[in-house]
Amino acid sequence: MPDPAAELIRLADLPHDTAAYLTEIRGGHHLTRRLLALGLRQGCLFSVVQRRSQGLVLASGEARIAVGAGIAEKIWVTPTVALAASDSSNPPLPATGEPG
């Protein structure tokens, strides 16, 4: 699970192939439910595997999920790089792995 003191960034700003935890959804109830239906929940681990114009393709386990630019602006994540820097005893998980 992400460290509450770690730096949050927007999903849109997450570098390619960097694993991150979904930390916060800054949208309404409808967006939260939509993301839950896609399998994106607070605390889930994923990475950006492809950028398509303004949208992103995310990998979470075996699933691939496409999100548009508007949604990517409303999802805030904690990169595992920040976690590794703040707590060297817990190495980051693989980009396509499940939180363990």
PDB file of N, CA and C in Angstrom:
ATOM      1  N   MET A   1       0.838  -1.184   0.000  1.00  0.00           N
ATOM      2  CA  MET A   1       0.000   0.000   0.000  1.00  0.00           C
ATOM      3  C   MET A   1       0.876   1.238   0.000  1.00  0.00           C
ATOM      4  N   PRO A   2       0.408   2.313  -0.621  1.00  0.00           N
ATOM      5  CA  PRO A   2       1.229   3.516  -0.688  1.00  0.00           C
ATOM      6  C   PRO A   2       1.414   4.182   0.672  1.00  0.00           C
ATOM      7  N   ASP A   3       2.534   4.852   0.806  1.00  0.00           N
ATOM      8  CA  ASP A   3       2.850   5.631   2.000  1.00  0.00           C
ATOM      9  C   ASP A   3       2.064   6.936   1.942  1.00  0.00           C
ATOM     10  N   PRO A   4       1.287   7.273   2.984  1.00  0.00           N
ATOM     11  CA  PRO A   4       0.489   8.493   2.954  1.00  0.00           C
ATOM     12  C   PRO A   4       1.325   9.758   2.795  1.00  0.00           C
ATOM     13  N   ALA A   5       2.609   9.720   3.168  1.00  0.00           N
ATOM     14  CA  ALA A   5       3.461  10.897   3.054  1.00  0.00           C
ATOM     15  C   ALA A   5       4.110  11.015   1.675  1.00  0.00           C
ATOM     16  N   ALA A   6       3.967  10.004   0.821  1.00  0.00           N
ATOM     17  CA  ALA A   6       4.590  10.028  -0.499  1.00  0.00           C
ATOM     18  C   ALA A   6       3.902  11.049  -1.395  1.00  0.00           C
ATOM     19  N   GLU A   7       4.623  11.518  -2.392  1.00  0.00           N
ATOM     20  CA  GLU A   7       4.124  12.549  -3.296  1.00  0.00           C
ATOM     21  C   GLU A   7       3.062  12.005  -4.246  1.00  0.00           C
ATOM     22  N   LEU A   8       1.971  12.745  -4.374  1.00  0.00           N
ATOM     23  CA  LEU A   8       0.916  12.406  -5.326  1.00  0.00           C
ATOM     24  C   LEU A   8       1.154  13.150  -6.627  1.00  0.00           C
ATOM     25  N   ILE A   9       0.901  12.463  -7.744  1.00  0.00           N
ATOM     26  CA  ILE A   9       0.924  13.130  -9.042  1.00  0.00           C
ATOM     27  C   ILE A   9      -0.312  12.700  -9.821  1.00  0.00           C
ATOM     28  N   ARG A  10      -0.664  13.490 -10.832  1.00  0.00           N
ATOM     29  CA  ARG A  10      -1.789  13.114 -11.685  1.00  0.00           C
ATOM     30  C   ARG A  10      -1.368  11.946 -12.566  1.00  0.00           C
ATOM     31  N   LEU A  11      -2.315  11.082 -12.858  1.00  0.00           N
ATOM     32  CA  LEU A  11      -2.049   9.962 -13.754  1.00  0.00           C
ATOM     33  C   LEU A  11      -1.511  10.461 -15.091  1.00  0.00           C
ATOM     34  N   ALA A  12      -2.026  11.581 -15.562  1.00  0.00           N
ATOM     35  CA  ALA A  12      -1.578  12.144 -16.835  1.00  0.00           C
ATOM     36  C   ALA A  12      -0.075  12.458 -16.836  1.00  0.00           C
ATOM     37  N   ASP A  13       0.504  12.692 -15.655  1.00  0.00           N
ATOM     38  CA  ASP A  13       1.926  13.035 -15.540  1.00  0.00           C
ATOM     39  C   ASP A  13       2.814  11.846 -15.190  1.00  0.00           C
ATOM     40  N   LEU A  14       2.223  10.665 -15.027  1.00  0.00           N
ATOM     41  CA  LEU A  14       2.994   9.477 -14.678  1.00  0.00           C
ATOM     42  C   LEU A  14       3.850   9.045 -15.869  1.00  0.00           C
ATOM     43  N   PRO A  15       5.160   8.887 -15.666  1.00  0.00           N
ATOM     44  CA  PRO A  15       6.018   8.441 -16.775  1.00  0.00           C
ATOM     45  C   PRO A  15       5.646   7.034 -17.256  1.00  0.00           C
ATOM     46  N   HIS A  16       5.904   6.800 -18.520  1.00  0.00           N
ATOM     47  CA  HIS A  16       5.652   5.496 -19.146  1.00  0.00           C
ATOM     48  C   HIS A  16       6.402   4.406 -18.387  1.00  0.00           C
ATOM     49  N   ASP A  17       5.763   3.249 -18.199  1.00  0.00           N
ATOM     50  CA  ASP A  17       6.350   2.069 -17.545  1.00  0.00           C
ATOM     51  C   ASP A  17       6.746   2.288 -16.084  1.00  0.00           C
ATOM     52  N   THR A  18       6.151   3.275 -15.422  1.00  0.00           N
ATOM     53  CA  THR A  18       6.383   3.481 -14.000  1.00  0.00           C
ATOM     54  C   THR A  18       5.200   2.918 -13.236  1.00  0.00           C
ATOM     55  N   ALA A  19       5.448   1.992 -12.341  1.00  0.00           N
ATOM     56  CA  ALA A  19       4.370   1.420 -11.541  1.00  0.00           C
ATOM     57  C   ALA A  19       3.899   2.451 -10.518  1.00  0.00           C
ATOM     58  N   ALA A  20       2.588   2.444 -10.266  1.00  0.00           N
ATOM     59  CA  ALA A  20       2.018   3.399  -9.311  1.00  0.00           C
ATOM     60  C   ALA A  20       0.768   2.809  -8.682  1.00  0.00           C
ATOM     61  N   TYR A  21       0.448   3.315  -7.502  1.00  0.00           N
ATOM     62  CA  TYR A  21      -0.790   2.960  -6.829  1.00  0.00           C
ATOM     63  C   TYR A  21      -1.814   4.053  -7.060  1.00  0.00           C
ATOM     64  N   LEU A  22      -3.047   3.667  -7.339  1.00  0.00           N
ATOM     65  CA  LEU A  22      -4.124   4.636  -7.426  1.00  0.00           C
ATOM     66  C   LEU A  22      -4.408   5.102  -6.000  1.00  0.00           C
ATOM     67  N   THR A  23      -4.240   6.385  -5.756  1.00  0.00           N
ATOM     68  CA  THR A  23      -4.333   6.913  -4.405  1.00  0.00           C
ATOM     69  C   THR A  23      -5.610   7.702  -4.176  1.00  0.00           C
ATOM     70  N   GLU A  24      -6.023   8.463  -5.178  1.00  0.00           N
ATOM     71  CA  GLU A  24      -7.184   9.329  -4.986  1.00  0.00           C
ATOM     72  C   GLU A  24      -7.893   9.564  -6.315  1.00  0.00           C
ATOM     73  N   ILE A  25      -9.220   9.582  -6.270  1.00  0.00           N
ATOM     74  CA  ILE A  25     -10.030   9.920  -7.442  1.00  0.00           C
ATOM     75  C   ILE A  25     -10.692  11.252  -7.143  1.00  0.00           C
ATOM     76  N   ARG A  26     -10.301  12.281  -7.875  1.00  0.00           N
ATOM     77  CA  ARG A  26     -10.848  13.618  -7.651  1.00  0.00           C
ATOM     78  C   ARG A  26     -11.930  13.893  -8.681  1.00  0.00           C
ATOM     79  N   GLY A  27     -12.964  13.126  -8.567  1.00  0.00           N
ATOM     80  CA  GLY A  27     -14.118  13.244  -9.443  1.00  0.00           C
ATOM     81  C   GLY A  27     -15.356  12.888  -8.657  1.00  0.00           C
ATOM     82  N   GLY A  28     -16.463  12.911  -9.313  1.00  0.00           N
ATOM     83  CA  GLY A  28     -17.717  12.614  -8.644  1.00  0.00           C
ATOM     84  C   GLY A  28     -17.970  11.131  -8.460  1.00  0.00           C
ATOM     85  N   HIS A  29     -19.120  10.857  -7.897  1.00  0.00           N
ATOM     86  CA  HIS A  29     -19.552   9.489  -7.629  1.00  0.00           C
ATOM     87  C   HIS A  29     -19.640   8.673  -8.926  1.00  0.00           C
ATOM     88  N   HIS A  30     -20.105   9.300  -9.996  1.00  0.00           N
ATOM     89  CA  HIS A  30     -20.234   8.603 -11.277  1.00  0.00           C
ATOM     90  C   HIS A  30     -18.873   8.124 -11.784  1.00  0.00           C
ATOM     91  N   LEU A  31     -17.862   8.983 -11.710  1.00  0.00           N
ATOM     92  CA  LEU A  31     -16.518   8.602 -12.158  1.00  0.00           C
ATOM     93  C   LEU A  31     -15.956   7.478 -11.291  1.00  0.00           C
ATOM     94  N   THR A  32     -16.142   7.573  -9.986  1.00  0.00           N
ATOM     95  CA  THR A  32     -15.651   6.538  -9.088  1.00  0.00           C
ATOM     96  C   THR A  32     -16.279   5.189  -9.423  1.00  0.00           C
ATOM     97  N   ARG A  33     -17.582   5.174  -9.645  1.00  0.00           N
ATOM     98  CA  ARG A  33     -18.262   3.922 -10.001  1.00  0.00           C
ATOM     99  C   ARG A  33     -17.787   3.393 -11.346  1.00  0.00           C
ATOM    100  N   ARG A  34     -17.563   4.290 -12.295  1.00  0.00           N
ATOM    101  CA  ARG A  34     -17.091   3.879 -13.623  1.00  0.00           C
ATOM    102  C   ARG A  34     -15.710   3.223 -13.517  1.00  0.00           C
ATOM    103  N   LEU A  35     -14.827   3.834 -12.732  1.00  0.00           N
ATOM    104  CA  LEU A  35     -13.491   3.272 -12.564  1.00  0.00           C
ATOM    105  C   LEU A  35     -13.530   1.937 -11.833  1.00  0.00           C
ATOM    106  N   LEU A  36     -14.408   1.822 -10.839  1.00  0.00           N
ATOM    107  CA  LEU A  36     -14.571   0.539 -10.147  1.00  0.00           C
ATOM    108  C   LEU A  36     -15.016  -0.545 -11.114  1.00  0.00           C
ATOM    109  N   ALA A  37     -15.912  -0.201 -12.030  1.00  0.00           N
ATOM    110  CA  ALA A  37     -16.392  -1.174 -13.018  1.00  0.00           C
ATOM    111  C   ALA A  37     -15.263  -1.619 -13.949  1.00  0.00           C
ATOM    112  N   LEU A  38     -14.275  -0.739 -14.170  1.00  0.00           N
ATOM    113  CA  LEU A  38     -13.125  -1.078 -15.004  1.00  0.00           C
ATOM    114  C   LEU A  38     -12.046  -1.835 -14.227  1.00  0.00           C
ATOM    115  N   GLY A  39     -12.218  -1.929 -12.912  1.00  0.00           N
ATOM    116  CA  GLY A  39     -11.239  -2.622 -12.096  1.00  0.00           C
ATOM    117  C   GLY A  39     -10.203  -1.717 -11.458  1.00  0.00           C
ATOM    118  N   LEU A  40     -10.402  -0.410 -11.532  1.00  0.00           N
ATOM    119  CA  LEU A  40      -9.472   0.541 -10.911  1.00  0.00           C
ATOM    120  C   LEU A  40     -10.045   1.001  -9.577  1.00  0.00           C
ATOM    121  N   ARG A  41      -9.355   0.638  -8.508  1.00  0.00           N
ATOM    122  CA  ARG A  41      -9.780   0.981  -7.148  1.00  0.00           C
ATOM    123  C   ARG A  41      -8.629   1.660  -6.431  1.00  0.00           C
ATOM    124  N   GLN A  42      -8.962   2.393  -5.377  1.00  0.00           N
ATOM    125  CA  GLN A  42      -7.900   2.974  -4.568  1.00  0.00           C
ATOM    126  C   GLN A  42      -7.023   1.855  -4.040  1.00  0.00           C
ATOM    127  N   GLY A  43      -5.718   2.035  -4.167  1.00  0.00           N
ATOM    128  CA  GLY A  43      -4.763   1.041  -3.702  1.00  0.00           C
ATOM    129  C   GLY A  43      -4.305   0.063  -4.760  1.00  0.00           C
ATOM    130  N   CYS A  44      -4.973   0.023  -5.931  1.00  0.00           N
ATOM    131  CA  CYS A  44      -4.545  -0.936  -6.958  1.00  0.00           C
ATOM    132  C   CYS A  44      -3.252  -0.463  -7.621  1.00  0.00           C
ATOM    133  N   LEU A  45      -2.442  -1.419  -8.035  1.00  0.00           N
ATOM    134  CA  LEU A  45      -1.161  -1.159  -8.667  1.00  0.00           C
ATOM    135  C   LEU A  45      -1.309  -1.303 -10.170  1.00  0.00           C
ATOM    136  N   PHE A  46      -0.757  -0.352 -10.922  1.00  0.00           N
ATOM    137  CA  PHE A  46      -0.818  -0.405 -12.378  1.00  0.00           C
ATOM    138  C   PHE A  46       0.334   0.405 -12.952  1.00  0.00           C
ATOM    139  N   SER A  47       0.459   0.397 -14.270  1.00  0.00           N
ATOM    140  CA  SER A  47       1.440   1.242 -14.952  1.00  0.00           C
ATOM    141  C   SER A  47       0.866   1.673 -16.293  1.00  0.00           C
ATOM    142  N   VAL A  48       1.426   2.759 -16.831  1.00  0.00           N
ATOM    143  CA  VAL A  48       1.047   3.244 -18.154  1.00  0.00           C
ATOM    144  C   VAL A  48       1.864   2.450 -19.166  1.00  0.00           C
ATOM    145  N   VAL A  49       1.183   1.727 -20.056  1.00  0.00           N
ATOM    146  CA  VAL A  49       1.901   0.935 -21.058  1.00  0.00           C
ATOM    147  C   VAL A  49       1.860   1.565 -22.438  1.00  0.00           C
ATOM    148  N   GLN A  50       0.946   2.517 -22.631  1.00  0.00           N
ATOM    149  CA  GLN A  50       0.861   3.163 -23.945  1.00  0.00           C
ATOM    150  C   GLN A  50       0.165   4.507 -23.807  1.00  0.00           C
ATOM    151  N   ARG A  51       0.625   5.473 -24.590  1.00  0.00           N
ATOM    152  CA  ARG A  51      -0.032   6.784 -24.675  1.00  0.00           C
ATOM    153  C   ARG A  51      -0.603   6.913 -26.070  1.00  0.00           C
ATOM    154  N   ARG A  52      -1.890   7.231 -26.149  1.00  0.00           N
ATOM    155  CA  ARG A  52      -2.572   7.372 -27.438  1.00  0.00           C
ATOM    156  C   ARG A  52      -3.139   8.773 -27.508  1.00  0.00           C
ATOM    157  N   SER A  53      -2.518   9.643 -28.261  1.00  0.00           N
ATOM    158  CA  SER A  53      -2.820  11.073 -28.326  1.00  0.00           C
ATOM    159  C   SER A  53      -3.006  11.592 -26.909  1.00  0.00           C
ATOM    160  N   GLN A  54      -4.218  11.871 -26.479  1.00  0.00           N
ATOM    161  CA  GLN A  54      -4.439  12.377 -25.125  1.00  0.00           C
ATOM    162  C   GLN A  54      -4.780  11.278 -24.130  1.00  0.00           C
ATOM    163  N   GLY A  55      -5.078  10.073 -24.574  1.00  0.00           N
ATOM    164  CA  GLY A  55      -5.476   8.989 -23.687  1.00  0.00           C
ATOM    165  C   GLY A  55      -4.312   8.109 -23.280  1.00  0.00           C
ATOM    166  N   LEU A  56      -4.584   7.219 -22.339  1.00  0.00           N
ATOM    167  CA  LEU A  56      -3.576   6.301 -21.821  1.00  0.00           C
ATOM    168  C   LEU A  56      -4.122   4.885 -21.805  1.00  0.00           C
ATOM    169  N   VAL A  57      -3.237   3.913 -21.963  1.00  0.00           N
ATOM    170  CA  VAL A  57      -3.582   2.513 -21.754  1.00  0.00           C
ATOM    171  C   VAL A  57      -2.815   2.068 -20.518  1.00  0.00           C
ATOM    172  N   LEU A  58      -3.557   1.543 -19.542  1.00  0.00           N
ATOM    173  CA  LEU A  58      -2.984   1.113 -18.284  1.00  0.00           C
ATOM    174  C   LEU A  58      -2.936  -0.404 -18.219  1.00  0.00           C
ATOM    175  N   ALA A  59      -1.936  -0.935 -17.539  1.00  0.00           N
ATOM    176  CA  ALA A  59      -1.849  -2.369 -17.271  1.00  0.00           C
ATOM    177  C   ALA A  59      -2.002  -2.573 -15.778  1.00  0.00           C
ATOM    178  N   SER A  60      -2.962  -3.422 -15.421  1.00  0.00           N
ATOM    179  CA  SER A  60      -3.168  -3.798 -14.024  1.00  0.00           C
ATOM    180  C   SER A  60      -3.338  -5.308 -14.008  1.00  0.00           C
ATOM    181  N   GLY A  61      -2.306  -6.004 -13.594  1.00  0.00           N
ATOM    182  CA  GLY A  61      -2.314  -7.462 -13.687  1.00  0.00           C
ATOM    183  C   GLY A  61      -2.350  -7.845 -15.155  1.00  0.00           C
ATOM    184  N   GLU A  62      -3.279  -8.697 -15.531  1.00  0.00           N
ATOM    185  CA  GLU A  62      -3.431  -9.116 -16.921  1.00  0.00           C
ATOM    186  C   GLU A  62      -4.339  -8.179 -17.708  1.00  0.00           C
ATOM    187  N   ALA A  63      -5.039  -7.272 -17.024  1.00  0.00           N
ATOM    188  CA  ALA A  63      -6.003  -6.381 -17.678  1.00  0.00           C
ATOM    189  C   ALA A  63      -5.315  -5.184 -18.316  1.00  0.00           C
ATOM    190  N   ARG A  64      -5.896  -4.711 -19.410  1.00  0.00           N
ATOM    191  CA  ARG A  64      -5.481  -3.472 -20.072  1.00  0.00           C
ATOM    192  C   ARG A  64      -6.697  -2.560 -20.091  1.00  0.00           C
ATOM    193  N   ILE A  65      -6.529  -1.337 -19.619  1.00  0.00           N
ATOM    194  CA  ILE A  65      -7.642  -0.409 -19.462  1.00  0.00           C
ATOM    195  C   ILE A  65      -7.287   0.903 -20.131  1.00  0.00           C
ATOM    196  N   ALA A  66      -8.145   1.390 -21.013  1.00  0.00           N
ATOM    197  CA  ALA A  66      -7.930   2.670 -21.687  1.00  0.00           C
ATOM    198  C   ALA A  66      -8.715   3.755 -20.965  1.00  0.00           C
ATOM    199  N   VAL A  67      -8.051   4.880 -20.707  1.00  0.00           N
ATOM    200  CA  VAL A  67      -8.724   6.032 -20.098  1.00  0.00           C
ATOM    201  C   VAL A  67      -8.393   7.274 -20.921  1.00  0.00           C
ATOM    202  N   GLY A  68      -9.344   8.186 -20.980  1.00  0.00           N
ATOM    203  CA  GLY A  68      -9.150   9.431 -21.713  1.00  0.00           C
ATOM    204  C   GLY A  68      -8.397  10.457 -20.888  1.00  0.00           C
ATOM    205  N   ALA A  69      -8.059  11.558 -21.545  1.00  0.00           N
ATOM    206  CA  ALA A  69      -7.280  12.612 -20.901  1.00  0.00           C
ATOM    207  C   ALA A  69      -8.023  13.237 -19.730  1.00  0.00           C
ATOM    208  N   GLY A  70      -9.323  13.425 -19.861  1.00  0.00           N
ATOM    209  CA  GLY A  70     -10.105  14.024 -18.777  1.00  0.00           C
ATOM    210  C   GLY A  70     -10.077  13.181 -17.521  1.00  0.00           C
ATOM    211  N   ILE A  71     -10.207  11.879 -17.684  1.00  0.00           N
ATOM    212  CA  ILE A  71     -10.155  10.971 -16.538  1.00  0.00           C
ATOM    213  C   ILE A  71      -8.741  10.936 -15.966  1.00  0.00           C
ATOM    214  N   ALA A  72      -7.728  10.918 -16.823  1.00  0.00           N
ATOM    215  CA  ALA A  72      -6.335  10.875 -16.359  1.00  0.00           C
ATOM    216  C   ALA A  72      -5.982  12.100 -15.519  1.00  0.00           C
ATOM    217  N   GLU A  73      -6.658  13.218 -15.744  1.00  0.00           N
ATOM    218  CA  GLU A  73      -6.430  14.426 -14.950  1.00  0.00           C
ATOM    219  C   GLU A  73      -7.053  14.327 -13.563  1.00  0.00           C
ATOM    220  N   LYS A  74      -8.044  13.461 -13.391  1.00  0.00           N
ATOM    221  CA  LYS A  74      -8.778  13.359 -12.124  1.00  0.00           C
ATOM    222  C   LYS A  74      -8.298  12.222 -11.240  1.00  0.00           C
ATOM    223  N   ILE A  75      -7.387  11.404 -11.748  1.00  0.00           N
ATOM    224  CA  ILE A  75      -6.841  10.286 -10.978  1.00  0.00           C
ATOM    225  C   ILE A  75      -5.461  10.694 -10.469  1.00  0.00           C
ATOM    226  N   TRP A  76      -5.270  10.588  -9.170  1.00  0.00           N
ATOM    227  CA  TRP A  76      -3.994  10.916  -8.544  1.00  0.00           C
ATOM    228  C   TRP A  76      -3.351   9.628  -8.054  1.00  0.00           C
ATOM    229  N   VAL A  77      -2.058   9.492  -8.317  1.00  0.00           N
ATOM    230  CA  VAL A  77      -1.346   8.252  -8.053  1.00  0.00           C
ATOM    231  C   VAL A  77      -0.099   8.503  -7.216  1.00  0.00           C
ATOM    232  N   THR A  78       0.406   7.436  -6.611  1.00  0.00           N
ATOM    233  CA  THR A  78       1.676   7.455  -5.893  1.00  0.00           C
ATOM    234  C   THR A  78       2.624   6.525  -6.635  1.00  0.00           C
ATOM    235  N   PRO A  79       3.617   7.084  -7.333  1.00  0.00           N
ATOM    236  CA  PRO A  79       4.565   6.218  -8.044  1.00  0.00           C
ATOM    237  C   PRO A  79       5.348   5.357  -7.070  1.00  0.00           C
ATOM    238  N   THR A  80       5.659   4.132  -7.474  1.00  0.00           N
ATOM    239  CA  THR A  80       6.424   3.242  -6.606  1.00  0.00           C
ATOM    240  C   THR A  80       7.844   3.746  -6.441  1.00  0.00           C
ATOM    241  N   VAL A  81       8.334   4.569  -7.366  1.00  0.00           N
ATOM    242  CA  VAL A  81       9.665   5.165  -7.229  1.00  0.00           C
ATOM    243  C   VAL A  81       9.696   6.019  -5.972  1.00  0.00           C
ATOM    244  N   ALA A  82       8.625   6.786  -5.731  1.00  0.00           N
ATOM    245  CA  ALA A  82       8.545   7.616  -4.524  1.00  0.00           C
ATOM    246  C   ALA A  82       8.521   6.734  -3.289  1.00  0.00           C
ATOM    247  N   LEU A  83       7.851   5.592  -3.382  1.00  0.00           N
ATOM    248  CA  LEU A  83       7.796   4.674  -2.247  1.00  0.00           C
ATOM    249  C   LEU A  83       9.179   4.114  -1.958  1.00  0.00           C
ATOM    250  N   ALA A  84       9.905   3.736  -3.006  1.00  0.00           N
ATOM    251  CA  ALA A  84      11.228   3.167  -2.816  1.00  0.00           C
ATOM    252  C   ALA A  84      12.169   4.195  -2.197  1.00  0.00           C
ATOM    253  N   ALA A  85      12.028   5.459  -2.588  1.00  0.00           N
ATOM    254  CA  ALA A  85      12.887   6.502  -2.037  1.00  0.00           C
ATOM    255  C   ALA A  85      12.555   6.768  -0.574  1.00  0.00           C
ATOM    256  N   SER A  86      11.279   6.654  -0.202  1.00  0.00           N
ATOM    257  CA  SER A  86      10.881   6.954   1.172  1.00  0.00           C
ATOM    258  C   SER A  86      11.018   5.754   2.101  1.00  0.00           C
ATOM    259  N   ASP A  87      11.036   4.542   1.552  1.00  0.00           N
ATOM    260  CA  ASP A  87      11.120   3.335   2.385  1.00  0.00           C
ATOM    261  C   ASP A  87      11.883   2.268   1.627  1.00  0.00           C
ATOM    262  N   SER A  88      13.187   2.220   1.801  1.00  0.00           N
ATOM    263  CA  SER A  88      14.019   1.298   1.026  1.00  0.00           C
ATOM    264  C   SER A  88      13.838  -0.157   1.445  1.00  0.00           C
ATOM    265  N   SER A  89      13.132  -0.419   2.557  1.00  0.00           N
ATOM    266  CA  SER A  89      12.929  -1.807   2.977  1.00  0.00           C
ATOM    267  C   SER A  89      11.827  -2.493   2.185  1.00  0.00           C
ATOM    268  N   ASN A  90      11.005  -1.729   1.448  1.00  0.00           N
ATOM    269  CA  ASN A  90       9.933  -2.295   0.628  1.00  0.00           C
ATOM    270  C   ASN A  90      10.185  -1.973  -0.830  1.00  0.00           C
ATOM    271  N   PRO A  91      10.815  -2.850  -1.593  1.00  0.00           N
ATOM    272  CA  PRO A  91      11.076  -2.569  -3.005  1.00  0.00           C
ATOM    273  C   PRO A  91       9.781  -2.497  -3.793  1.00  0.00           C
ATOM    274  N   PRO A  92       9.760  -1.746  -4.925  1.00  0.00           N
ATOM    275  CA  PRO A  92       8.539  -1.653  -5.724  1.00  0.00           C
ATOM    276  C   PRO A  92       8.158  -2.985  -6.337  1.00  0.00           C
ATOM    277  N   LEU A  93       6.875  -3.168  -6.533  1.00  0.00           N
ATOM    278  CA  LEU A  93       6.366  -4.365  -7.191  1.00  0.00           C
ATOM    279  C   LEU A  93       6.515  -4.226  -8.696  1.00  0.00           C
ATOM    280  N   PRO A  94       6.490  -5.322  -9.440  1.00  0.00           N
ATOM    281  CA  PRO A  94       6.557  -5.228 -10.907  1.00  0.00           C
ATOM    282  C   PRO A  94       5.396  -4.409 -11.446  1.00  0.00           C
ATOM    283  N   ALA A  95       5.602  -3.779 -12.585  1.00  0.00           N
ATOM    284  CA  ALA A  95       4.600  -2.880 -13.169  1.00  0.00           C
ATOM    285  C   ALA A  95       3.289  -3.561 -13.461  1.00  0.00           C
ATOM    286  N   THR A  96       3.282  -4.832 -13.780  1.00  0.00           N
ATOM    287  CA  THR A  96       2.042  -5.503 -14.129  1.00  0.00           C
ATOM    288  C   THR A  96       1.561  -6.454 -13.032  1.00  0.00           C
ATOM    289  N   GLY A  97       2.176  -6.396 -11.857  1.00  0.00           N
ATOM    290  CA  GLY A  97       1.797  -7.294 -10.770  1.00  0.00           C
ATOM    291  C   GLY A  97       0.610  -6.771  -9.974  1.00  0.00           C
ATOM    292  N   GLU A  98       0.120  -7.604  -9.131  1.00  0.00           N
ATOM    293  CA  GLU A  98      -0.974  -7.239  -8.228  1.00  0.00           C
ATOM    294  C   GLU A  98      -0.351  -6.833  -6.892  1.00  0.00           C
ATOM    295  N   PRO A  99      -0.990  -5.904  -6.161  1.00  0.00           N
ATOM    296  CA  PRO A  99      -0.449  -5.572  -4.841  1.00  0.00           C
ATOM    297  C   PRO A  99      -0.433  -6.813  -3.953  1.00  0.00           C
ATOM    298  N   GLY A 100       0.621  -6.988  -3.228  1.00  0.00           N
ATOM    299  CA  GLY A 100       0.746  -8.228  -2.514  1.00  0.00           C
ATOM    300  C   GLY A 100       0.790  -8.083  -1.078  1.00  0.00           C
TER     301      GLY A 100
END
